[in-house]
Amino acid sequence: MNAIDGIIYGQNPREGFAREGTFYHPDLEFRFPVPANWQVINEPSRVVLARSRWADAVIIMQIDSESSGPQQSVQQFVNQEGITLVEQSSAQSGSLPAYQATASAATQDNTELGLYVYAVEFQNNIYRFISYTTKSQFQARKATFCSNNLRFYAVKRFRDFKY
């Protein structure tokens, strides 16, 4: 038994897990809320939050390794061809510097989308959240998108956390 004690079977919780409405990433020392009844898909390069099995609203979080700060990360995304910027501004997530923007875009089948893009800087990483839904549902979902991202927090005491 000593030979297998401490071996991880299945997903390694140090690479991220969701519990009681919060996504935790022990190795990167952060957490953020998961909206009630949203599905969490933790992939090696990103975390996807989807509302319902039809994914009628989606939040994608990933590290932006190309940008030097939150503002550049958000602006680089919204300046892509096919995306129309609506508004942008500086933001804060606790004491962490952040930047946010709302925009619109259309899919290949001409479905109009509303986008909320948010980036926060933490421990020399830029974490970018891309949130979207149909344009008709955007105003109803925008509060969820905003409140979710503005509560990105550092967590330093994961060694005491019980997985």
N, C-alpha and C. Protein backbone atom coordinates (compact mmCIF):
# COMPACT_ATOMS: atom_id res chain seq x y z
N MET A 1 0.81 -1.19 0.00
CA MET A 1 0.00 0.00 0.00
C MET A 1 0.86 1.26 0.00
N ASN A 2 1.99 1.24 0.66
CA ASN A 2 2.86 2.42 0.69
C ASN A 2 3.33 2.82 -0.70
N ALA A 3 3.44 1.83 -1.61
CA ALA A 3 3.91 2.12 -2.97
C ALA A 3 2.91 2.97 -3.75
N ILE A 4 1.63 2.88 -3.44
CA ILE A 4 0.64 3.65 -4.19
C ILE A 4 0.06 4.82 -3.41
N ASP A 5 0.46 4.97 -2.17
CA ASP A 5 -0.03 6.08 -1.36
C ASP A 5 0.41 7.40 -1.98
N GLY A 6 -0.54 8.29 -2.23
CA GLY A 6 -0.24 9.61 -2.80
C GLY A 6 -0.30 9.66 -4.31
N ILE A 7 -0.46 8.52 -4.98
CA ILE A 7 -0.58 8.52 -6.44
C ILE A 7 -1.98 9.02 -6.80
N ILE A 8 -2.04 9.90 -7.78
CA ILE A 8 -3.32 10.47 -8.20
C ILE A 8 -3.93 9.57 -9.26
N TYR A 9 -5.19 9.24 -9.08
CA TYR A 9 -5.95 8.48 -10.06
C TYR A 9 -7.02 9.40 -10.61
N GLY A 10 -7.13 9.49 -11.95
CA GLY A 10 -8.09 10.40 -12.55
C GLY A 10 -7.50 11.79 -12.68
N GLN A 11 -8.36 12.80 -12.71
CA GLN A 11 -7.87 14.17 -12.85
C GLN A 11 -7.13 14.61 -11.60
N ASN A 12 -6.03 15.31 -11.80
CA ASN A 12 -5.24 15.84 -10.70
C ASN A 12 -5.91 17.12 -10.18
N PRO A 13 -6.39 17.13 -8.94
CA PRO A 13 -7.06 18.33 -8.43
C PRO A 13 -6.14 19.55 -8.36
N ARG A 14 -4.84 19.36 -8.36
CA ARG A 14 -3.92 20.50 -8.34
C ARG A 14 -3.99 21.29 -9.65
N GLU A 15 -4.56 20.68 -10.70
CA GLU A 15 -4.71 21.34 -12.00
C GLU A 15 -6.09 21.95 -12.19
N GLY A 16 -6.85 22.01 -11.11
CA GLY A 16 -8.15 22.69 -11.14
C GLY A 16 -9.32 21.77 -10.90
N PHE A 17 -10.28 22.27 -10.13
CA PHE A 17 -11.51 21.52 -9.85
C PHE A 17 -12.58 22.50 -9.40
N ALA A 18 -13.83 22.09 -9.53
CA ALA A 18 -14.95 22.91 -9.08
C ALA A 18 -15.57 22.26 -7.86
N ARG A 19 -15.93 23.09 -6.90
CA ARG A 19 -16.60 22.62 -5.69
C ARG A 19 -17.46 23.74 -5.13
N GLU A 20 -18.72 23.41 -4.85
CA GLU A 20 -19.65 24.33 -4.18
C GLU A 20 -19.67 25.73 -4.80
N GLY A 21 -19.80 25.78 -6.12
CA GLY A 21 -19.94 27.06 -6.81
C GLY A 21 -18.66 27.84 -7.02
N THR A 22 -17.50 27.20 -6.88
CA THR A 22 -16.22 27.88 -7.08
C THR A 22 -15.27 26.97 -7.84
N PHE A 23 -14.52 27.55 -8.79
CA PHE A 23 -13.46 26.83 -9.48
C PHE A 23 -12.15 27.20 -8.79
N TYR A 24 -11.39 26.20 -8.40
CA TYR A 24 -10.10 26.38 -7.73
C TYR A 24 -8.98 25.85 -8.62
N HIS A 25 -7.85 26.54 -8.63
CA HIS A 25 -6.66 26.02 -9.30
C HIS A 25 -5.50 26.13 -8.30
N PRO A 26 -5.23 25.04 -7.56
CA PRO A 26 -4.18 25.09 -6.54
C PRO A 26 -2.79 25.42 -7.07
N ASP A 27 -2.39 24.85 -8.21
CA ASP A 27 -1.03 25.11 -8.70
C ASP A 27 -0.84 26.56 -9.10
N LEU A 28 -1.87 27.21 -9.65
CA LEU A 28 -1.77 28.61 -10.06
C LEU A 28 -2.29 29.57 -8.99
N GLU A 29 -2.81 29.02 -7.90
CA GLU A 29 -3.22 29.76 -6.70
C GLU A 29 -4.33 30.79 -6.95
N PHE A 30 -5.37 30.41 -7.69
CA PHE A 30 -6.49 31.32 -7.87
C PHE A 30 -7.80 30.55 -7.75
N ARG A 31 -8.87 31.36 -7.64
CA ARG A 31 -10.22 30.81 -7.65
C ARG A 31 -11.15 31.85 -8.26
N PHE A 32 -12.27 31.36 -8.80
CA PHE A 32 -13.31 32.27 -9.28
C PHE A 32 -14.64 31.54 -9.17
N PRO A 33 -15.73 32.30 -9.05
CA PRO A 33 -17.05 31.66 -8.88
C PRO A 33 -17.54 31.01 -10.17
N VAL A 34 -18.34 29.97 -9.99
CA VAL A 34 -19.03 29.32 -11.09
C VAL A 34 -20.51 29.62 -10.91
N PRO A 35 -21.16 30.21 -11.90
CA PRO A 35 -22.59 30.50 -11.75
C PRO A 35 -23.39 29.23 -11.46
N ALA A 36 -24.44 29.36 -10.69
CA ALA A 36 -25.29 28.22 -10.32
C ALA A 36 -25.82 27.53 -11.57
N ASN A 37 -25.77 26.22 -11.55
CA ASN A 37 -26.29 25.36 -12.62
C ASN A 37 -25.49 25.44 -13.92
N TRP A 38 -24.27 25.91 -13.87
CA TRP A 38 -23.41 25.93 -15.06
C TRP A 38 -22.48 24.72 -15.00
N GLN A 39 -22.19 24.16 -16.15
CA GLN A 39 -21.28 23.02 -16.26
C GLN A 39 -19.84 23.54 -16.36
N VAL A 40 -18.91 22.84 -15.70
CA VAL A 40 -17.49 23.20 -15.74
C VAL A 40 -16.74 22.13 -16.53
N ILE A 41 -16.00 22.58 -17.53
CA ILE A 41 -15.16 21.67 -18.31
C ILE A 41 -13.73 22.18 -18.15
N ASN A 42 -12.93 21.45 -17.39
CA ASN A 42 -11.55 21.85 -17.12
C ASN A 42 -10.63 21.14 -18.09
N GLU A 43 -10.09 21.88 -19.03
CA GLU A 43 -9.18 21.34 -20.03
C GLU A 43 -7.76 21.81 -19.69
N PRO A 44 -6.74 21.15 -20.23
CA PRO A 44 -5.36 21.56 -19.91
C PRO A 44 -5.05 23.03 -20.23
N SER A 45 -5.62 23.57 -21.30
CA SER A 45 -5.27 24.93 -21.70
C SER A 45 -6.35 25.97 -21.40
N ARG A 46 -7.51 25.53 -20.87
CA ARG A 46 -8.57 26.48 -20.60
C ARG A 46 -9.63 25.85 -19.70
N VAL A 47 -10.47 26.72 -19.15
CA VAL A 47 -11.63 26.28 -18.38
C VAL A 47 -12.85 26.84 -19.10
N VAL A 48 -13.81 25.97 -19.39
CA VAL A 48 -15.02 26.39 -20.07
C VAL A 48 -16.19 26.23 -19.11
N LEU A 49 -16.98 27.27 -18.96
CA LEU A 49 -18.21 27.23 -18.18
C LEU A 49 -19.36 27.37 -19.17
N ALA A 50 -20.30 26.45 -19.11
CA ALA A 50 -21.42 26.48 -20.06
C ALA A 50 -22.74 26.43 -19.30
N ARG A 51 -23.64 27.30 -19.68
CA ARG A 51 -24.97 27.32 -19.08
C ARG A 51 -25.84 26.33 -19.83
N SER A 52 -26.28 25.33 -19.16
CA SER A 52 -27.14 24.26 -19.67
C SER A 52 -26.42 23.39 -20.69
N ARG A 53 -27.00 22.28 -20.98
CA ARG A 53 -26.37 21.36 -21.93
C ARG A 53 -26.39 21.90 -23.35
N TRP A 54 -27.20 22.92 -23.62
CA TRP A 54 -27.24 23.52 -24.94
C TRP A 54 -26.22 24.65 -25.07
N ALA A 55 -25.53 24.94 -24.00
CA ALA A 55 -24.49 25.98 -24.00
C ALA A 55 -25.02 27.28 -24.59
N ASP A 56 -26.15 27.76 -24.05
CA ASP A 56 -26.72 29.00 -24.56
C ASP A 56 -25.99 30.24 -24.03
N ALA A 57 -25.09 30.04 -23.10
CA ALA A 57 -24.17 31.08 -22.64
C ALA A 57 -22.88 30.38 -22.24
N VAL A 58 -21.75 30.98 -22.57
CA VAL A 58 -20.45 30.33 -22.36
C VAL A 58 -19.46 31.34 -21.81
N ILE A 59 -18.60 30.87 -20.90
CA ILE A 59 -17.46 31.65 -20.41
C ILE A 59 -16.23 30.77 -20.62
N ILE A 60 -15.23 31.31 -21.30
CA ILE A 60 -13.98 30.59 -21.53
C ILE A 60 -12.86 31.36 -20.85
N MET A 61 -12.13 30.71 -19.95
CA MET A 61 -10.99 31.34 -19.29
C MET A 61 -9.72 30.64 -19.75
N GLN A 62 -8.74 31.43 -20.17
CA GLN A 62 -7.45 30.87 -20.52
C GLN A 62 -6.35 31.91 -20.27
N ILE A 63 -5.14 31.42 -20.15
CA ILE A 63 -4.00 32.32 -19.97
C ILE A 63 -3.62 32.88 -21.33
N ASP A 64 -3.48 34.20 -21.40
CA ASP A 64 -3.03 34.88 -22.61
C ASP A 64 -1.53 35.09 -22.48
N SER A 65 -0.76 34.28 -23.14
CA SER A 65 0.69 34.34 -23.01
C SER A 65 1.33 35.34 -23.98
N GLU A 66 0.52 35.97 -24.82
CA GLU A 66 1.05 36.90 -25.81
C GLU A 66 0.96 38.36 -25.38
N SER A 67 0.05 38.68 -24.48
CA SER A 67 -0.17 40.08 -24.09
C SER A 67 0.66 40.44 -22.86
N SER A 68 0.99 41.72 -22.77
CA SER A 68 1.80 42.19 -21.65
C SER A 68 0.96 42.71 -20.49
N GLY A 69 -0.35 42.84 -20.69
CA GLY A 69 -1.21 43.33 -19.62
C GLY A 69 -2.67 43.09 -19.96
N PRO A 70 -3.55 43.31 -18.99
CA PRO A 70 -4.99 43.09 -19.22
C PRO A 70 -5.57 43.92 -20.35
N GLN A 71 -5.21 45.20 -20.42
CA GLN A 71 -5.76 46.05 -21.47
C GLN A 71 -5.37 45.54 -22.85
N GLN A 72 -4.11 45.22 -23.03
CA GLN A 72 -3.66 44.71 -24.33
C GLN A 72 -4.38 43.40 -24.67
N SER A 73 -4.58 42.53 -23.70
CA SER A 73 -5.25 41.25 -23.93
C SER A 73 -6.68 41.46 -24.43
N VAL A 74 -7.42 42.32 -23.75
CA VAL A 74 -8.81 42.58 -24.15
C VAL A 74 -8.85 43.26 -25.51
N GLN A 75 -8.04 44.28 -25.70
CA GLN A 75 -8.06 45.01 -26.97
C GLN A 75 -7.63 44.12 -28.14
N GLN A 76 -6.66 43.27 -27.90
CA GLN A 76 -6.22 42.36 -28.96
C GLN A 76 -7.37 41.44 -29.39
N PHE A 77 -8.16 40.99 -28.44
CA PHE A 77 -9.29 40.12 -28.78
C PHE A 77 -10.39 40.89 -29.51
N VAL A 78 -10.81 42.02 -28.97
CA VAL A 78 -11.94 42.74 -29.58
C VAL A 78 -11.57 43.43 -30.89
N ASN A 79 -10.29 43.58 -31.18
CA ASN A 79 -9.88 44.20 -32.44
C ASN A 79 -9.79 43.20 -33.59
N GLN A 80 -10.17 41.95 -33.35
CA GLN A 80 -10.16 40.96 -34.41
C GLN A 80 -11.24 41.29 -35.45
N GLU A 81 -10.99 40.88 -36.69
CA GLU A 81 -11.96 41.10 -37.75
C GLU A 81 -13.28 40.41 -37.40
N GLY A 82 -14.37 41.12 -37.62
CA GLY A 82 -15.69 40.56 -37.36
C GLY A 82 -16.25 40.88 -35.99
N ILE A 83 -15.44 41.50 -35.13
CA ILE A 83 -15.90 41.89 -33.79
C ILE A 83 -16.03 43.40 -33.75
N THR A 84 -17.17 43.87 -33.23
CA THR A 84 -17.42 45.31 -33.11
C THR A 84 -17.41 45.70 -31.64
N LEU A 85 -16.50 46.58 -31.28
CA LEU A 85 -16.38 47.05 -29.90
C LEU A 85 -17.56 47.95 -29.56
N VAL A 86 -18.15 47.73 -28.38
CA VAL A 86 -19.25 48.57 -27.90
C VAL A 86 -18.73 49.54 -26.84
N GLU A 87 -18.03 49.02 -25.84
CA GLU A 87 -17.42 49.88 -24.80
C GLU A 87 -16.29 49.11 -24.13
N GLN A 88 -15.37 49.87 -23.50
CA GLN A 88 -14.24 49.27 -22.80
C GLN A 88 -13.84 50.17 -21.64
N SER A 89 -13.23 49.56 -20.61
CA SER A 89 -12.79 50.35 -19.46
C SER A 89 -11.85 49.55 -18.57
N SER A 90 -11.13 50.27 -17.73
CA SER A 90 -10.31 49.62 -16.70
C SER A 90 -11.24 49.01 -15.66
N ALA A 91 -10.72 48.02 -14.95
CA ALA A 91 -11.50 47.35 -13.90
C ALA A 91 -10.54 46.86 -12.82
N GLN A 92 -11.09 46.35 -11.77
CA GLN A 92 -10.32 45.76 -10.67
C GLN A 92 -10.98 44.44 -10.26
N SER A 93 -10.19 43.49 -9.90
CA SER A 93 -10.69 42.26 -9.30
C SER A 93 -10.03 42.19 -7.93
N GLY A 94 -10.72 42.70 -6.91
CA GLY A 94 -10.06 42.90 -5.63
C GLY A 94 -8.99 43.95 -5.83
N SER A 95 -7.74 43.61 -5.54
CA SER A 95 -6.64 44.55 -5.75
C SER A 95 -5.90 44.29 -7.05
N LEU A 96 -6.37 43.35 -7.85
CA LEU A 96 -5.68 42.97 -9.09
C LEU A 96 -6.11 43.86 -10.25
N PRO A 97 -5.14 44.31 -11.06
CA PRO A 97 -5.49 45.15 -12.22
C PRO A 97 -6.21 44.33 -13.28
N ALA A 98 -7.21 44.94 -13.89
CA ALA A 98 -8.02 44.25 -14.90
C ALA A 98 -8.49 45.24 -15.95
N TYR A 99 -9.09 44.69 -17.00
CA TYR A 99 -9.64 45.50 -18.08
C TYR A 99 -10.83 44.74 -18.65
N GLN A 100 -11.84 45.47 -19.15
CA GLN A 100 -13.06 44.82 -19.64
C GLN A 100 -13.59 45.53 -20.87
N ALA A 101 -14.36 44.78 -21.67
CA ALA A 101 -15.00 45.35 -22.85
C ALA A 101 -16.25 44.55 -23.18
N THR A 102 -17.20 45.23 -23.79
CA THR A 102 -18.34 44.54 -24.39
C THR A 102 -18.23 44.76 -25.89
N ALA A 103 -18.71 43.76 -26.63
CA ALA A 103 -18.60 43.81 -28.08
C ALA A 103 -19.71 42.96 -28.68
N SER A 104 -19.79 42.99 -29.99
CA SER A 104 -20.75 42.13 -30.69
C SER A 104 -20.03 41.47 -31.87
N ALA A 105 -20.61 40.38 -32.31
CA ALA A 105 -20.05 39.64 -33.44
C ALA A 105 -21.17 38.79 -34.03
N ALA A 106 -20.91 38.21 -35.18
CA ALA A 106 -21.88 37.30 -35.81
C ALA A 106 -21.17 36.00 -36.16
N THR A 107 -21.87 34.90 -35.99
CA THR A 107 -21.33 33.60 -36.36
C THR A 107 -21.44 33.42 -37.87
N GLN A 108 -20.91 32.32 -38.38
CA GLN A 108 -20.98 32.06 -39.81
C GLN A 108 -22.41 31.93 -40.32
N ASP A 109 -23.34 31.49 -39.43
CA ASP A 109 -24.74 31.39 -39.85
C ASP A 109 -25.53 32.67 -39.52
N ASN A 110 -24.78 33.76 -39.26
CA ASN A 110 -25.34 35.10 -39.00
C ASN A 110 -26.09 35.22 -37.68
N THR A 111 -25.85 34.33 -36.74
CA THR A 111 -26.39 34.50 -35.39
C THR A 111 -25.60 35.62 -34.72
N GLU A 112 -26.31 36.63 -34.24
CA GLU A 112 -25.64 37.75 -33.58
C GLU A 112 -25.33 37.39 -32.14
N LEU A 113 -24.10 37.69 -31.71
CA LEU A 113 -23.64 37.39 -30.36
C LEU A 113 -23.31 38.66 -29.61
N GLY A 114 -23.52 38.63 -28.30
CA GLY A 114 -23.03 39.66 -27.40
C GLY A 114 -21.83 39.08 -26.67
N LEU A 115 -20.77 39.86 -26.55
CA LEU A 115 -19.52 39.40 -25.93
C LEU A 115 -19.14 40.30 -24.75
N TYR A 116 -18.65 39.68 -23.71
CA TYR A 116 -18.03 40.41 -22.60
C TYR A 116 -16.65 39.81 -22.43
N VAL A 117 -15.62 40.63 -22.58
CA VAL A 117 -14.24 40.17 -22.50
C VAL A 117 -13.58 40.86 -21.31
N TYR A 118 -12.93 40.06 -20.50
CA TYR A 118 -12.34 40.55 -19.24
C TYR A 118 -10.97 39.91 -19.07
N ALA A 119 -9.99 40.68 -18.69
CA ALA A 119 -8.67 40.12 -18.41
C ALA A 119 -8.16 40.69 -17.10
N VAL A 120 -7.47 39.83 -16.35
CA VAL A 120 -6.92 40.22 -15.05
C VAL A 120 -5.48 39.73 -14.97
N GLU A 121 -4.64 40.52 -14.33
CA GLU A 121 -3.23 40.15 -14.19
C GLU A 121 -2.99 39.61 -12.78
N PHE A 122 -2.35 38.44 -12.73
CA PHE A 122 -2.05 37.81 -11.43
C PHE A 122 -0.80 36.95 -11.57
N GLN A 123 0.18 37.20 -10.74
CA GLN A 123 1.44 36.44 -10.70
C GLN A 123 2.07 36.29 -12.09
N ASN A 124 2.23 37.40 -12.77
CA ASN A 124 2.86 37.45 -14.09
C ASN A 124 2.12 36.69 -15.18
N ASN A 125 0.87 36.38 -14.96
CA ASN A 125 0.01 35.79 -15.98
C ASN A 125 -1.16 36.72 -16.26
N ILE A 126 -1.64 36.69 -17.50
CA ILE A 126 -2.85 37.41 -17.88
C ILE A 126 -3.93 36.35 -18.09
N TYR A 127 -4.98 36.40 -17.28
CA TYR A 127 -6.09 35.48 -17.39
C TYR A 127 -7.22 36.19 -18.13
N ARG A 128 -7.56 35.66 -19.31
CA ARG A 128 -8.60 36.30 -20.12
C ARG A 128 -9.86 35.44 -20.11
N PHE A 129 -10.98 36.09 -19.82
CA PHE A 129 -12.30 35.47 -19.82
C PHE A 129 -13.07 36.00 -21.02
N ILE A 130 -13.54 35.12 -21.87
CA ILE A 130 -14.37 35.49 -23.01
C ILE A 130 -15.75 34.91 -22.73
N SER A 131 -16.73 35.78 -22.56
CA SER A 131 -18.10 35.37 -22.23
C SER A 131 -19.00 35.76 -23.38
N TYR A 132 -19.88 34.85 -23.77
CA TYR A 132 -20.77 35.20 -24.88
C TYR A 132 -22.08 34.43 -24.81
N THR A 133 -23.06 35.01 -25.46
CA THR A 133 -24.38 34.43 -25.65
C THR A 133 -25.01 35.12 -26.84
N THR A 134 -26.22 34.73 -27.20
CA THR A 134 -26.88 35.40 -28.31
C THR A 134 -27.15 36.85 -27.93
N LYS A 135 -27.21 37.70 -28.92
CA LYS A 135 -27.43 39.12 -28.65
C LYS A 135 -28.75 39.35 -27.92
N SER A 136 -29.76 38.54 -28.22
CA SER A 136 -31.07 38.70 -27.56
C SER A 136 -31.01 38.34 -26.07
N GLN A 137 -30.06 37.51 -25.66
CA GLN A 137 -29.94 37.13 -24.24
C GLN A 137 -28.82 37.87 -23.52
N PHE A 138 -28.05 38.67 -24.26
CA PHE A 138 -26.86 39.26 -23.67
C PHE A 138 -27.14 40.13 -22.46
N GLN A 139 -28.10 41.03 -22.53
CA GLN A 139 -28.37 41.92 -21.39
C GLN A 139 -28.78 41.12 -20.15
N ALA A 140 -29.53 40.05 -20.34
CA ALA A 140 -29.94 39.22 -19.20
C ALA A 140 -28.76 38.46 -18.60
N ARG A 141 -27.77 38.12 -19.40
CA ARG A 141 -26.61 37.35 -18.92
C ARG A 141 -25.42 38.22 -18.52
N LYS A 142 -25.41 39.47 -18.94
CA LYS A 142 -24.25 40.34 -18.71
C LYS A 142 -23.91 40.46 -17.22
N ALA A 143 -24.90 40.56 -16.36
CA ALA A 143 -24.63 40.67 -14.92
C ALA A 143 -23.90 39.43 -14.42
N THR A 144 -24.28 38.26 -14.89
CA THR A 144 -23.58 37.02 -14.51
C THR A 144 -22.15 37.05 -15.02
N PHE A 145 -21.96 37.44 -16.27
CA PHE A 145 -20.62 37.51 -16.84
C PHE A 145 -19.73 38.45 -16.03
N CYS A 146 -20.23 39.64 -15.74
CA CYS A 146 -19.45 40.65 -15.03
C CYS A 146 -19.15 40.24 -13.59
N SER A 147 -20.16 39.80 -12.87
CA SER A 147 -19.93 39.46 -11.46
C SER A 147 -19.02 38.26 -11.32
N ASN A 148 -19.09 37.34 -12.26
CA ASN A 148 -18.23 36.16 -12.22
C ASN A 148 -16.76 36.58 -12.35
N ASN A 149 -16.46 37.41 -13.32
CA ASN A 149 -15.07 37.76 -13.59
C ASN A 149 -14.49 38.74 -12.58
N LEU A 150 -15.30 39.61 -12.04
CA LEU A 150 -14.78 40.59 -11.09
C LEU A 150 -14.46 39.96 -9.74
N ARG A 151 -14.73 38.67 -9.60
CA ARG A 151 -14.43 37.98 -8.34
C ARG A 151 -13.37 36.91 -8.54
N PHE A 152 -12.36 37.20 -9.33
CA PHE A 152 -11.19 36.36 -9.50
C PHE A 152 -10.26 36.67 -8.33
N TYR A 153 -9.92 35.66 -7.54
CA TYR A 153 -9.14 35.91 -6.32
C TYR A 153 -7.90 35.03 -6.23
N ALA A 154 -6.90 35.56 -5.57
CA ALA A 154 -5.72 34.78 -5.24
C ALA A 154 -6.03 33.91 -4.02
N VAL A 155 -5.47 32.73 -4.03
CA VAL A 155 -5.62 31.83 -2.88
C VAL A 155 -4.24 31.28 -2.55
N LYS A 156 -3.73 31.62 -1.39
CA LYS A 156 -2.38 31.24 -1.01
C LYS A 156 -2.30 30.00 -0.12
N ARG A 157 -3.41 29.56 0.42
CA ARG A 157 -3.35 28.51 1.43
C ARG A 157 -3.89 27.17 0.93
N PHE A 158 -3.59 26.82 -0.30
CA PHE A 158 -4.09 25.56 -0.84
C PHE A 158 -3.47 24.35 -0.15
N ARG A 159 -2.31 24.51 0.44
CA ARG A 159 -1.71 23.33 1.11
C ARG A 159 -2.58 22.85 2.25
N ASP A 160 -3.44 23.71 2.79
CA ASP A 160 -4.34 23.32 3.87
C ASP A 160 -5.70 22.84 3.35
N PHE A 161 -5.91 22.95 2.02
CA PHE A 161 -7.22 22.63 1.44
C PHE A 161 -7.40 21.12 1.35
N LYS A 162 -8.58 20.65 1.68
CA LYS A 162 -8.91 19.23 1.59
C LYS A 162 -9.59 18.98 0.26
N TYR A 163 -8.94 18.18 -0.58
CA TYR A 163 -9.50 17.87 -1.90
C TYR A 163 -10.55 16.81 -1.70
